[in-house]
PDB file of N, CA and C in Angstrom:
ATOM      1  N   UNK A   1      98.971 124.309  98.186  1.00  0.00           N
ATOM      2  CA  UNK A   1     100.122 123.509  98.564  1.00  0.00           C
ATOM      3  C   UNK A   1     101.354 124.096  97.879  1.00  0.00           C
ATOM      4  N   UNK A   2     102.430 124.208  98.647  1.00  0.00           N
ATOM      5  CA  UNK A   2     103.644 124.777  98.063  1.00  0.00           C
ATOM      6  C   UNK A   2     104.377 123.742  97.199  1.00  0.00           C
ATOM      7  N   UNK A   3     105.261 124.223  96.365  1.00  0.00           N
ATOM      8  CA  UNK A   3     105.959 123.392  95.388  1.00  0.00           C
ATOM      9  C   UNK A   3     106.819 122.323  96.056  1.00  0.00           C
ATOM     10  N   UNK A   4     107.463 122.649  97.152  1.00  0.00           N
ATOM     11  CA  UNK A   4     108.340 121.700  97.839  1.00  0.00           C
ATOM     12  C   UNK A   4     107.553 120.506  98.377  1.00  0.00           C
ATOM     13  N   UNK A   5     106.409 120.766  99.007  1.00  0.00           N
ATOM     14  CA  UNK A   5     105.573 119.682  99.530  1.00  0.00           C
ATOM     15  C   UNK A   5     105.036 118.811  98.395  1.00  0.00           C
ATOM     16  N   UNK A   6     104.727 119.426  97.252  1.00  0.00           N
ATOM     17  CA  UNK A   6     104.213 118.685  96.115  1.00  0.00           C
ATOM     18  C   UNK A   6     105.234 117.651  95.619  1.00  0.00           C
ATOM     19  N   UNK A   7     106.498 118.037  95.590  1.00  0.00           N
ATOM     20  CA  UNK A   7     107.541 117.117  95.141  1.00  0.00           C
ATOM     21  C   UNK A   7     107.868 116.062  96.201  1.00  0.00           C
ATOM     22  N   UNK A   8     107.569 116.323  97.460  1.00  0.00           N
ATOM     23  CA  UNK A   8     107.810 115.340  98.509  1.00  0.00           C
ATOM     24  C   UNK A   8     106.729 114.266  98.548  1.00  0.00           C
ATOM     25  N   UNK A   9     105.511 114.606  98.147  1.00  0.00           N
ATOM     26  CA  UNK A   9     104.387 113.677  98.240  1.00  0.00           C
ATOM     27  C   UNK A   9     104.540 112.513  97.274  1.00  0.00           C
ATOM     28  N   UNK A  10     104.779 112.796  95.997  1.00  0.00           N
ATOM     29  CA  UNK A  10     104.920 111.731  95.006  1.00  0.00           C
ATOM     30  C   UNK A  10     106.371 111.273  94.984  1.00  0.00           C
ATOM     31  N   UNK A  11     106.623 110.042  95.405  1.00  0.00           N
ATOM     32  CA  UNK A  11     107.986 109.525  95.446  1.00  0.00           C
ATOM     33  C   UNK A  11     108.405 108.958  94.094  1.00  0.00           C
ATOM     34  N   UNK A  12     107.543 108.131  93.480  1.00  0.00           N
ATOM     35  CA  UNK A  12     107.878 107.503  92.197  1.00  0.00           C
ATOM     36  C   UNK A  12     106.632 106.859  91.627  1.00  0.00           C
ATOM     37  N   UNK A  13     106.589 106.681  90.308  1.00  0.00           N
ATOM     38  CA  UNK A  13     105.510 105.861  89.759  1.00  0.00           C
ATOM     39  C   UNK A  13     105.782 104.395  90.072  1.00  0.00           C
ATOM     40  N   UNK A  14     104.745 103.649  90.362  1.00  0.00           N
ATOM     41  CA  UNK A  14     104.893 102.219  90.652  1.00  0.00           C
ATOM     42  C   UNK A  14     104.756 101.472  89.334  1.00  0.00           C
ATOM     43  N   UNK A  15     105.824 100.839  88.886  1.00  0.00           N
ATOM     44  CA  UNK A  15     105.838 100.160  87.598  1.00  0.00           C
ATOM     45  C   UNK A  15     105.704  98.657  87.828  1.00  0.00           C
ATOM     46  N   UNK A  16     104.602  98.096  87.344  1.00  0.00           N
ATOM     47  CA  UNK A  16     104.366  96.656  87.432  1.00  0.00           C
ATOM     48  C   UNK A  16     103.420  96.281  86.295  1.00  0.00           C
ATOM     49  N   UNK A  17     103.216  94.984  86.145  1.00  0.00           N
ATOM     50  CA  UNK A  17     102.305  94.526  85.096  1.00  0.00           C
ATOM     51  C   UNK A  17     100.873  94.963  85.393  1.00  0.00           C
ATOM     52  N   UNK A  18     100.483  94.867  86.655  1.00  0.00           N
ATOM     53  CA  UNK A  18      99.137  95.289  87.049  1.00  0.00           C
ATOM     54  C   UNK A  18      98.943  96.792  86.822  1.00  0.00           C
ATOM     55  N   UNK A  19      99.947  97.588  87.163  1.00  0.00           N
ATOM     56  CA  UNK A  19      99.851  99.037  86.979  1.00  0.00           C
ATOM     57  C   UNK A  19      99.747  99.392  85.502  1.00  0.00           C
ATOM     58  N   UNK A  20     100.447  98.665  84.639  1.00  0.00           N
ATOM     59  CA  UNK A  20     100.367  98.911  83.197  1.00  0.00           C
ATOM     60  C   UNK A  20      98.983  98.589  82.652  1.00  0.00           C
ATOM     61  N   UNK A  21      98.394  97.483  83.116  1.00  0.00           N
ATOM     62  CA  UNK A  21      97.045  97.129  82.685  1.00  0.00           C
ATOM     63  C   UNK A  21      96.022  98.163  83.148  1.00  0.00           C
ATOM     64  N   UNK A  22      96.164  98.639  84.381  1.00  0.00           N
ATOM     65  CA  UNK A  22      95.250  99.667  84.890  1.00  0.00           C
ATOM     66  C   UNK A  22      95.356 100.960  84.084  1.00  0.00           C
ATOM     67  N   UNK A  23      96.568 101.329  83.700  1.00  0.00           N
ATOM     68  CA  UNK A  23      96.763 102.554  82.935  1.00  0.00           C
ATOM     69  C   UNK A  23      96.118 102.436  81.555  1.00  0.00           C
ATOM     70  N   UNK A  24      96.231 101.264  80.940  1.00  0.00           N
ATOM     71  CA  UNK A  24      95.671 101.073  79.605  1.00  0.00           C
ATOM     72  C   UNK A  24      94.150 100.955  79.625  1.00  0.00           C
ATOM     73  N   UNK A  25      93.614 100.172  80.548  1.00  0.00           N
ATOM     74  CA  UNK A  25      92.193  99.871  80.528  1.00  0.00           C
ATOM     75  C   UNK A  25      91.325 100.884  81.274  1.00  0.00           C
ATOM     76  N   UNK A  26      91.769 101.341  82.438  1.00  0.00           N
ATOM     77  CA  UNK A  26      90.916 102.162  83.305  1.00  0.00           C
ATOM     78  C   UNK A  26      91.391 103.591  83.470  1.00  0.00           C
ATOM     79  N   UNK A  27      92.451 103.976  82.790  1.00  0.00           N
ATOM     80  CA  UNK A  27      93.012 105.326  82.908  1.00  0.00           C
ATOM     81  C   UNK A  27      93.401 105.633  84.360  1.00  0.00           C
ATOM     82  N   UNK A  28      93.979 104.610  85.052  1.00  0.00           N
ATOM     83  CA  UNK A  28      94.461 104.768  86.418  1.00  0.00           C
ATOM     84  C   UNK A  28      95.978 104.669  86.415  1.00  0.00           C
ATOM     85  N   UNK A  29      96.616 105.455  87.273  1.00  0.00           N
ATOM     86  CA  UNK A  29      98.062 105.403  87.421  1.00  0.00           C
ATOM     87  C   UNK A  29      98.391 105.176  88.892  1.00  0.00           C
ATOM     88  N   UNK A  30      99.462 104.422  89.134  1.00  0.00           N
ATOM     89  CA  UNK A  30      99.839 104.042  90.498  1.00  0.00           C
ATOM     90  C   UNK A  30     101.137 104.756  90.861  1.00  0.00           C
ATOM     91  N   UNK A  31     101.147 105.392  92.028  1.00  0.00           N
ATOM     92  CA  UNK A  31     102.316 106.116  92.510  1.00  0.00           C
ATOM     93  C   UNK A  31     102.683 105.637  93.911  1.00  0.00           C
ATOM     94  N   UNK A  32     103.977 105.581  94.197  1.00  0.00           N
ATOM     95  CA  UNK A  32     104.431 105.415  95.570  1.00  0.00           C
ATOM     96  C   UNK A  32     104.393 106.803  96.188  1.00  0.00           C
ATOM     97  N   UNK A  33     103.772 106.917  97.362  1.00  0.00           N
ATOM     98  CA  UNK A  33     103.600 108.233  97.976  1.00  0.00           C
ATOM     99  C   UNK A  33     104.159 108.227  99.393  1.00  0.00           C
ATOM    100  N   UNK A  34     104.296 109.414  99.934  1.00  0.00           N
ATOM    101  CA  UNK A  34     104.777 109.613 101.295  1.00  0.00           C
ATOM    102  C   UNK A  34     103.782 108.992 102.278  1.00  0.00           C
ATOM    103  N   UNK A  35     104.271 108.452 103.380  1.00  0.00           N
ATOM    104  CA  UNK A  35     103.403 107.754 104.337  1.00  0.00           C
ATOM    105  C   UNK A  35     102.405 108.680 105.019  1.00  0.00           C
ATOM    106  N   UNK A  36     102.667 109.981 105.032  1.00  0.00           N
ATOM    107  CA  UNK A  36     101.756 110.930 105.680  1.00  0.00           C
ATOM    108  C   UNK A  36     100.858 111.650 104.680  1.00  0.00           C
ATOM    109  N   UNK A  37     100.898 111.263 103.420  1.00  0.00           N
ATOM    110  CA  UNK A  37     100.127 111.949 102.385  1.00  0.00           C
ATOM    111  C   UNK A  37      98.648 111.599 102.487  1.00  0.00           C
ATOM    112  N   UNK A  38      97.799 112.602 102.275  1.00  0.00           N
ATOM    113  CA  UNK A  38      96.358 112.396 102.251  1.00  0.00           C
ATOM    114  C   UNK A  38      95.874 112.348 100.808  1.00  0.00           C
ATOM    115  N   UNK A  39      94.622 111.948 100.627  1.00  0.00           N
ATOM    116  CA  UNK A  39      94.055 111.872  99.279  1.00  0.00           C
ATOM    117  C   UNK A  39      94.032 113.244  98.612  1.00  0.00           C
ATOM    118  N   UNK A  40      93.673 114.267  99.366  1.00  0.00           N
ATOM    119  CA  UNK A  40      93.611 115.618  98.807  1.00  0.00           C
ATOM    120  C   UNK A  40      94.997 116.102  98.385  1.00  0.00           C
ATOM    121  N   UNK A  41      96.012 115.794  99.169  1.00  0.00           N
ATOM    122  CA  UNK A  41      97.375 116.199  98.816  1.00  0.00           C
ATOM    123  C   UNK A  41      97.865 115.457  97.575  1.00  0.00           C
ATOM    124  N   UNK A  42      97.554 114.165  97.473  1.00  0.00           N
ATOM    125  CA  UNK A  42      97.955 113.394  96.291  1.00  0.00           C
ATOM    126  C   UNK A  42      97.273 113.951  95.048  1.00  0.00           C
ATOM    127  N   UNK A  43      96.002 114.256  95.157  1.00  0.00           N
ATOM    128  CA  UNK A  43      95.255 114.816  94.021  1.00  0.00           C
ATOM    129  C   UNK A  43      95.855 116.142  93.575  1.00  0.00           C
ATOM    130  N   UNK A  44      96.153 117.016  94.524  1.00  0.00           N
ATOM    131  CA  UNK A  44      96.736 118.313  94.190  1.00  0.00           C
ATOM    132  C   UNK A  44      98.129 118.162  93.579  1.00  0.00           C
ATOM    133  N   UNK A  45      98.914 117.216  94.085  1.00  0.00           N
ATOM    134  CA  UNK A  45     100.266 117.010  93.570  1.00  0.00           C
ATOM    135  C   UNK A  45     100.245 116.485  92.140  1.00  0.00           C
ATOM    136  N   UNK A  46      99.379 115.513  91.857  1.00  0.00           N
ATOM    137  CA  UNK A  46      99.302 114.965  90.498  1.00  0.00           C
ATOM    138  C   UNK A  46      98.789 116.018  89.525  1.00  0.00           C
ATOM    139  N   UNK A  47      97.767 116.762  89.919  1.00  0.00           N
ATOM    140  CA  UNK A  47      97.236 117.810  89.046  1.00  0.00           C
ATOM    141  C   UNK A  47      98.258 118.910  88.802  1.00  0.00           C
ATOM    142  N   UNK A  48      99.033 119.252  89.822  1.00  0.00           N
ATOM    143  CA  UNK A  48     100.025 120.309  89.676  1.00  0.00           C
ATOM    144  C   UNK A  48     101.244 119.900  88.876  1.00  0.00           C
ATOM    145  N   UNK A  49     101.709 118.671  89.065  1.00  0.00           N
ATOM    146  CA  UNK A  49     102.928 118.233  88.391  1.00  0.00           C
ATOM    147  C   UNK A  49     102.703 117.816  86.946  1.00  0.00           C
ATOM    148  N   UNK A  50     101.581 117.155  86.657  1.00  0.00           N
ATOM    149  CA  UNK A  50     101.361 116.604  85.324  1.00  0.00           C
ATOM    150  C   UNK A  50     100.333 117.364  84.507  1.00  0.00           C
ATOM    151  N   UNK A  51      99.716 118.405  85.073  1.00  0.00           N
ATOM    152  CA  UNK A  51      98.723 119.230  84.382  1.00  0.00           C
ATOM    153  C   UNK A  51      97.579 118.387  83.818  1.00  0.00           C
ATOM    154  N   UNK A  52      97.005 117.527  84.673  1.00  0.00           N
ATOM    155  CA  UNK A  52      95.869 116.695  84.307  1.00  0.00           C
ATOM    156  C   UNK A  52      94.752 116.906  85.317  1.00  0.00           C
ATOM    157  N   UNK A  53      93.560 116.384  85.018  1.00  0.00           N
ATOM    158  CA  UNK A  53      92.420 116.476  85.920  1.00  0.00           C
ATOM    159  C   UNK A  53      92.194 115.108  86.540  1.00  0.00           C
ATOM    160  N   UNK A  54      92.230 115.052  87.891  1.00  0.00           N
ATOM    161  CA  UNK A  54      92.082 113.803  88.633  1.00  0.00           C
ATOM    162  C   UNK A  54      90.622 113.611  89.019  1.00  0.00           C
ATOM    163  N   UNK A  55      90.098 112.415  88.756  1.00  0.00           N
ATOM    164  CA  UNK A  55      88.720 112.091  89.112  1.00  0.00           C
ATOM    165  C   UNK A  55      88.633 111.619  90.560  1.00  0.00           C
ATOM    166  N   UNK A  56      89.452 110.595  90.933  1.00  0.00           N
ATOM    167  CA  UNK A  56      89.447 110.122  92.315  1.00  0.00           C
ATOM    168  C   UNK A  56      90.793 109.498  92.660  1.00  0.00           C
ATOM    169  N   UNK A  57      91.033 109.354  93.970  1.00  0.00           N
ATOM    170  CA  UNK A  57      92.279 108.796  94.489  1.00  0.00           C
ATOM    171  C   UNK A  57      91.939 107.722  95.510  1.00  0.00           C
ATOM    172  N   UNK A  58      92.599 106.571  95.397  1.00  0.00           N
ATOM    173  CA  UNK A  58      92.477 105.518  96.400  1.00  0.00           C
ATOM    174  C   UNK A  58      93.866 105.266  96.973  1.00  0.00           C
ATOM    175  N   UNK A  59      93.955 105.119  98.295  1.00  0.00           N
ATOM    176  CA  UNK A  59      95.229 104.923  98.989  1.00  0.00           C
ATOM    177  C   UNK A  59      95.295 103.492  99.513  1.00  0.00           C
ATOM    178  N   UNK A  60      96.474 102.870  99.381  1.00  0.00           N
ATOM    179  CA  UNK A  60      96.680 101.503  99.847  1.00  0.00           C
ATOM    180  C   UNK A  60      97.946 101.458 100.688  1.00  0.00           C
ATOM    181  N   UNK A  61      97.820 100.971 101.931  1.00  0.00           N
ATOM    182  CA  UNK A  61      98.973 100.760 102.800  1.00  0.00           C
ATOM    183  C   UNK A  61      99.378  99.299 102.725  1.00  0.00           C
ATOM    184  N   UNK A  62     100.648  99.035 102.443  1.00  0.00           N
ATOM    185  CA  UNK A  62     101.152  97.671 102.354  1.00  0.00           C
ATOM    186  C   UNK A  62     102.156  97.454 103.471  1.00  0.00           C
ATOM    187  N   UNK A  63     101.918  96.451 104.287  1.00  0.00           N
ATOM    188  CA  UNK A  63     102.834  96.135 105.374  1.00  0.00           C
ATOM    189  C   UNK A  63     104.031  95.368 104.826  1.00  0.00           C
ATOM    190  N   UNK A  64     105.210  95.653 105.349  1.00  0.00           N
ATOM    191  CA  UNK A  64     106.425  94.982 104.906  1.00  0.00           C
ATOM    192  C   UNK A  64     106.495  93.557 105.417  1.00  0.00           C
ATOM    193  N   UNK A  65     106.988  92.669 104.571  1.00  0.00           N
ATOM    194  CA  UNK A  65     107.096  91.265 104.952  1.00  0.00           C
ATOM    195  C   UNK A  65     108.303  91.045 105.859  1.00  0.00           C
ATOM    196  N   UNK A  66     108.199  90.038 106.709  1.00  0.00           N
ATOM    197  CA  UNK A  66     109.345  89.589 107.483  1.00  0.00           C
ATOM    198  C   UNK A  66     110.033  88.504 106.671  1.00  0.00           C
ATOM    199  N   UNK A  67     111.314  88.683 106.373  1.00  0.00           N
ATOM    200  CA  UNK A  67     112.063  87.760 105.528  1.00  0.00           C
ATOM    201  C   UNK A  67     113.344  87.336 106.240  1.00  0.00           C
ATOM    202  N   UNK A  68     113.901  86.233 105.793  1.00  0.00           N
ATOM    203  CA  UNK A  68     115.188  85.769 106.303  1.00  0.00           C
ATOM    204  C   UNK A  68     116.271  86.080 105.282  1.00  0.00           C
ATOM    205  N   UNK A  69     117.337  86.684 105.746  1.00  0.00           N
ATOM    206  CA  UNK A  69     118.488  86.993 104.908  1.00  0.00           C
ATOM    207  C   UNK A  69     119.701  86.294 105.503  1.00  0.00           C
ATOM    208  N   UNK A  70     120.086  85.192 104.890  1.00  0.00           N
ATOM    209  CA  UNK A  70     121.222  84.360 105.321  1.00  0.00           C
ATOM    210  C   UNK A  70     121.187  84.084 106.837  1.00  0.00           C
ATOM    211  N   UNK A  71     120.061  83.578 107.292  1.00  0.00           N
ATOM    212  CA  UNK A  71     119.922  83.177 108.684  1.00  0.00           C
ATOM    213  C   UNK A  71     119.446  84.260 109.625  1.00  0.00           C
ATOM    214  N   UNK A  72     119.489  85.491 109.222  1.00  0.00           N
ATOM    215  CA  UNK A  72     119.048  86.597 110.079  1.00  0.00           C
ATOM    216  C   UNK A  72     117.642  87.033 109.661  1.00  0.00           C
ATOM    217  N   UNK A  73     116.867  87.440 110.625  1.00  0.00           N
ATOM    218  CA  UNK A  73     115.513  87.898 110.326  1.00  0.00           C
ATOM    219  C   UNK A  73     115.556  89.385 110.019  1.00  0.00           C
ATOM    220  N   UNK A  74     114.968  89.745 108.906  1.00  0.00           N
ATOM    221  CA  UNK A  74     114.888  91.146 108.501  1.00  0.00           C
ATOM    222  C   UNK A  74     113.461  91.487 108.130  1.00  0.00           C
ATOM    223  N   UNK A  75     113.197  92.749 107.890  1.00  0.00           N
ATOM    224  CA  UNK A  75     111.857  93.188 107.541  1.00  0.00           C
ATOM    225  C   UNK A  75     111.932  94.186 106.404  1.00  0.00           C
ATOM    226  N   UNK A  76     111.107  93.964 105.397  1.00  0.00           N
ATOM    227  CA  UNK A  76     111.000  94.944 104.318  1.00  0.00           C
ATOM    228  C   UNK A  76     110.219  96.152 104.838  1.00  0.00           C
ATOM    229  N   UNK A  77     110.449  97.281 104.238  1.00  0.00           N
ATOM    230  CA  UNK A  77     109.801  98.491 104.725  1.00  0.00           C
ATOM    231  C   UNK A  77     108.336  98.545 104.297  1.00  0.00           C
ATOM    232  N   UNK A  78     107.519  99.213 105.094  1.00  0.00           N
ATOM    233  CA  UNK A  78     106.114  99.432 104.760  1.00  0.00           C
ATOM    234  C   UNK A  78     106.047 100.449 103.628  1.00  0.00           C
ATOM    235  N   UNK A  79     105.052 100.298 102.746  1.00  0.00           N
ATOM    236  CA  UNK A  79     104.898 101.220 101.626  1.00  0.00           C
ATOM    237  C   UNK A  79     103.468 101.732 101.583  1.00  0.00           C
ATOM    238  N   UNK A  80     103.279 102.825 100.881  1.00  0.00           N
ATOM    239  CA  UNK A  80     101.965 103.429 100.681  1.00  0.00           C
ATOM    240  C   UNK A  80     101.845 103.765  99.203  1.00  0.00           C
ATOM    241  N   UNK A  81     100.790 103.278  98.565  1.00  0.00           N
ATOM    242  CA  UNK A  81     100.571 103.519  97.147  1.00  0.00           C
ATOM    243  C   UNK A  81      99.275 104.274  96.946  1.00  0.00           C
ATOM    244  N   UNK A  82      99.235 105.071  95.899  1.00  0.00           N
ATOM    245  CA  UNK A  82      98.029 105.796  95.541  1.00  0.00           C
ATOM    246  C   UNK A  82      97.612 105.389  94.137  1.00  0.00           C
ATOM    247  N   UNK A  83      96.364 104.939  94.007  1.00  0.00           N
ATOM    248  CA  UNK A  83      95.777 104.637  92.709  1.00  0.00           C
ATOM    249  C   UNK A  83      95.002 105.877  92.284  1.00  0.00           C
ATOM    250  N   UNK A  84      95.471 106.553  91.243  1.00  0.00           N
ATOM    251  CA  UNK A  84      94.904 107.820  90.802  1.00  0.00           C
ATOM    252  C   UNK A  84      94.126 107.583  89.515  1.00  0.00           C
ATOM    253  N   UNK A  85      92.821 107.861  89.544  1.00  0.00           N
ATOM    254  CA  UNK A  85      91.979 107.747  88.356  1.00  0.00           C
ATOM    255  C   UNK A  85      91.842 109.122  87.724  1.00  0.00           C
ATOM    256  N   UNK A  86      92.175 109.198  86.446  1.00  0.00           N
ATOM    257  CA  UNK A  86      92.088 110.452  85.709  1.00  0.00           C
ATOM    258  C   UNK A  86      90.762 110.531  84.969  1.00  0.00           C
ATOM    259  N   UNK A  87      90.351 111.744  84.619  1.00  0.00           N
ATOM    260  CA  UNK A  87      89.155 111.890  83.800  1.00  0.00           C
ATOM    261  C   UNK A  87      89.437 111.332  82.414  1.00  0.00           C
ATOM    262  N   UNK A  88      88.397 111.068  81.660  1.00  0.00           N
ATOM    263  CA  UNK A  88      88.526 110.324  80.403  1.00  0.00           C
ATOM    264  C   UNK A  88      89.373 111.037  79.350  1.00  0.00           C
ATOM    265  N   UNK A  89      89.445 112.348  79.366  1.00  0.00           N
ATOM    266  CA  UNK A  89      90.193 113.065  78.324  1.00  0.00           C
ATOM    267  C   UNK A  89      91.634 113.383  78.722  1.00  0.00           C
ATOM    268  N   UNK A  90      92.112 112.881  79.861  1.00  0.00           N
ATOM    269  CA  UNK A  90      93.475 113.142  80.318  1.00  0.00           C
ATOM    270  C   UNK A  90      94.312 111.873  80.331  1.00  0.00           C
ATOM    271  N   UNK A  91      95.623 112.038  80.184  1.00  0.00           N
ATOM    272  CA  UNK A  91      96.553 110.912  80.244  1.00  0.00           C
ATOM    273  C   UNK A  91      97.920 111.429  80.668  1.00  0.00           C
ATOM    274  N   UNK A  92      98.679 110.569  81.353  1.00  0.00           N
ATOM    275  CA  UNK A  92     100.028 110.916  81.784  1.00  0.00           C
ATOM    276  C   UNK A  92     101.018 110.129  80.939  1.00  0.00           C
ATOM    277  N   UNK A  93     101.959 110.827  80.326  1.00  0.00           N
ATOM    278  CA  UNK A  93     103.007 110.183  79.544  1.00  0.00           C
ATOM    279  C   UNK A  93     104.307 110.373  80.304  1.00  0.00           C
ATOM    280  N   UNK A  94     104.802 109.288  80.929  1.00  0.00           N
ATOM    281  CA  UNK A  94     105.996 109.388  81.764  1.00  0.00           C
ATOM    282  C   UNK A  94     107.259 109.589  80.957  1.00  0.00           C
ATOM    283  N   UNK A  95     107.247 109.276  79.682  1.00  0.00           N
ATOM    284  CA  UNK A  95     108.465 109.444  78.883  1.00  0.00           C
ATOM    285  C   UNK A  95     108.756 110.916  78.595  1.00  0.00           C
ATOM    286  N   UNK A  96     107.716 111.767  78.599  1.00  0.00           N
ATOM    287  CA  UNK A  96     107.943 113.179  78.320  1.00  0.00           C
ATOM    288  C   UNK A  96     107.715 114.073  79.532  1.00  0.00           C
ATOM    289  N   UNK A  97     107.436 113.482  80.711  1.00  0.00           N
ATOM    290  CA  UNK A  97     107.190 114.278  81.929  1.00  0.00           C
ATOM    291  C   UNK A  97     108.498 114.866  82.438  1.00  0.00           C
ATOM    292  N   UNK A  98     108.410 116.061  83.029  1.00  0.00           N
ATOM    293  CA  UNK A  98     109.600 116.736  83.572  1.00  0.00           C
ATOM    294  C   UNK A  98     109.908 116.266  84.941  1.00  0.00           C
TER     295      UNK A  98
END
């Protein structure tokens, strides 16, 4: 995979209370990923960008909610998240990542 595609696949780390608990207890990290990304591409991107060894990847598609904004109906965008499990001797530190 080329460098440009690698940077397009991982959009951002997903920061939430659940994601923090998963990182501490199960050595899993959650990323927002491109809607066309596959498990193999996510694995290659995480291994290439953070220099870690990935054990497995799970993908979750979340449908956007329909909400009302001051009387008008709107829709939140659909998202795709990847739950990345690292091997036991690896860890990602986002404060020092490039």
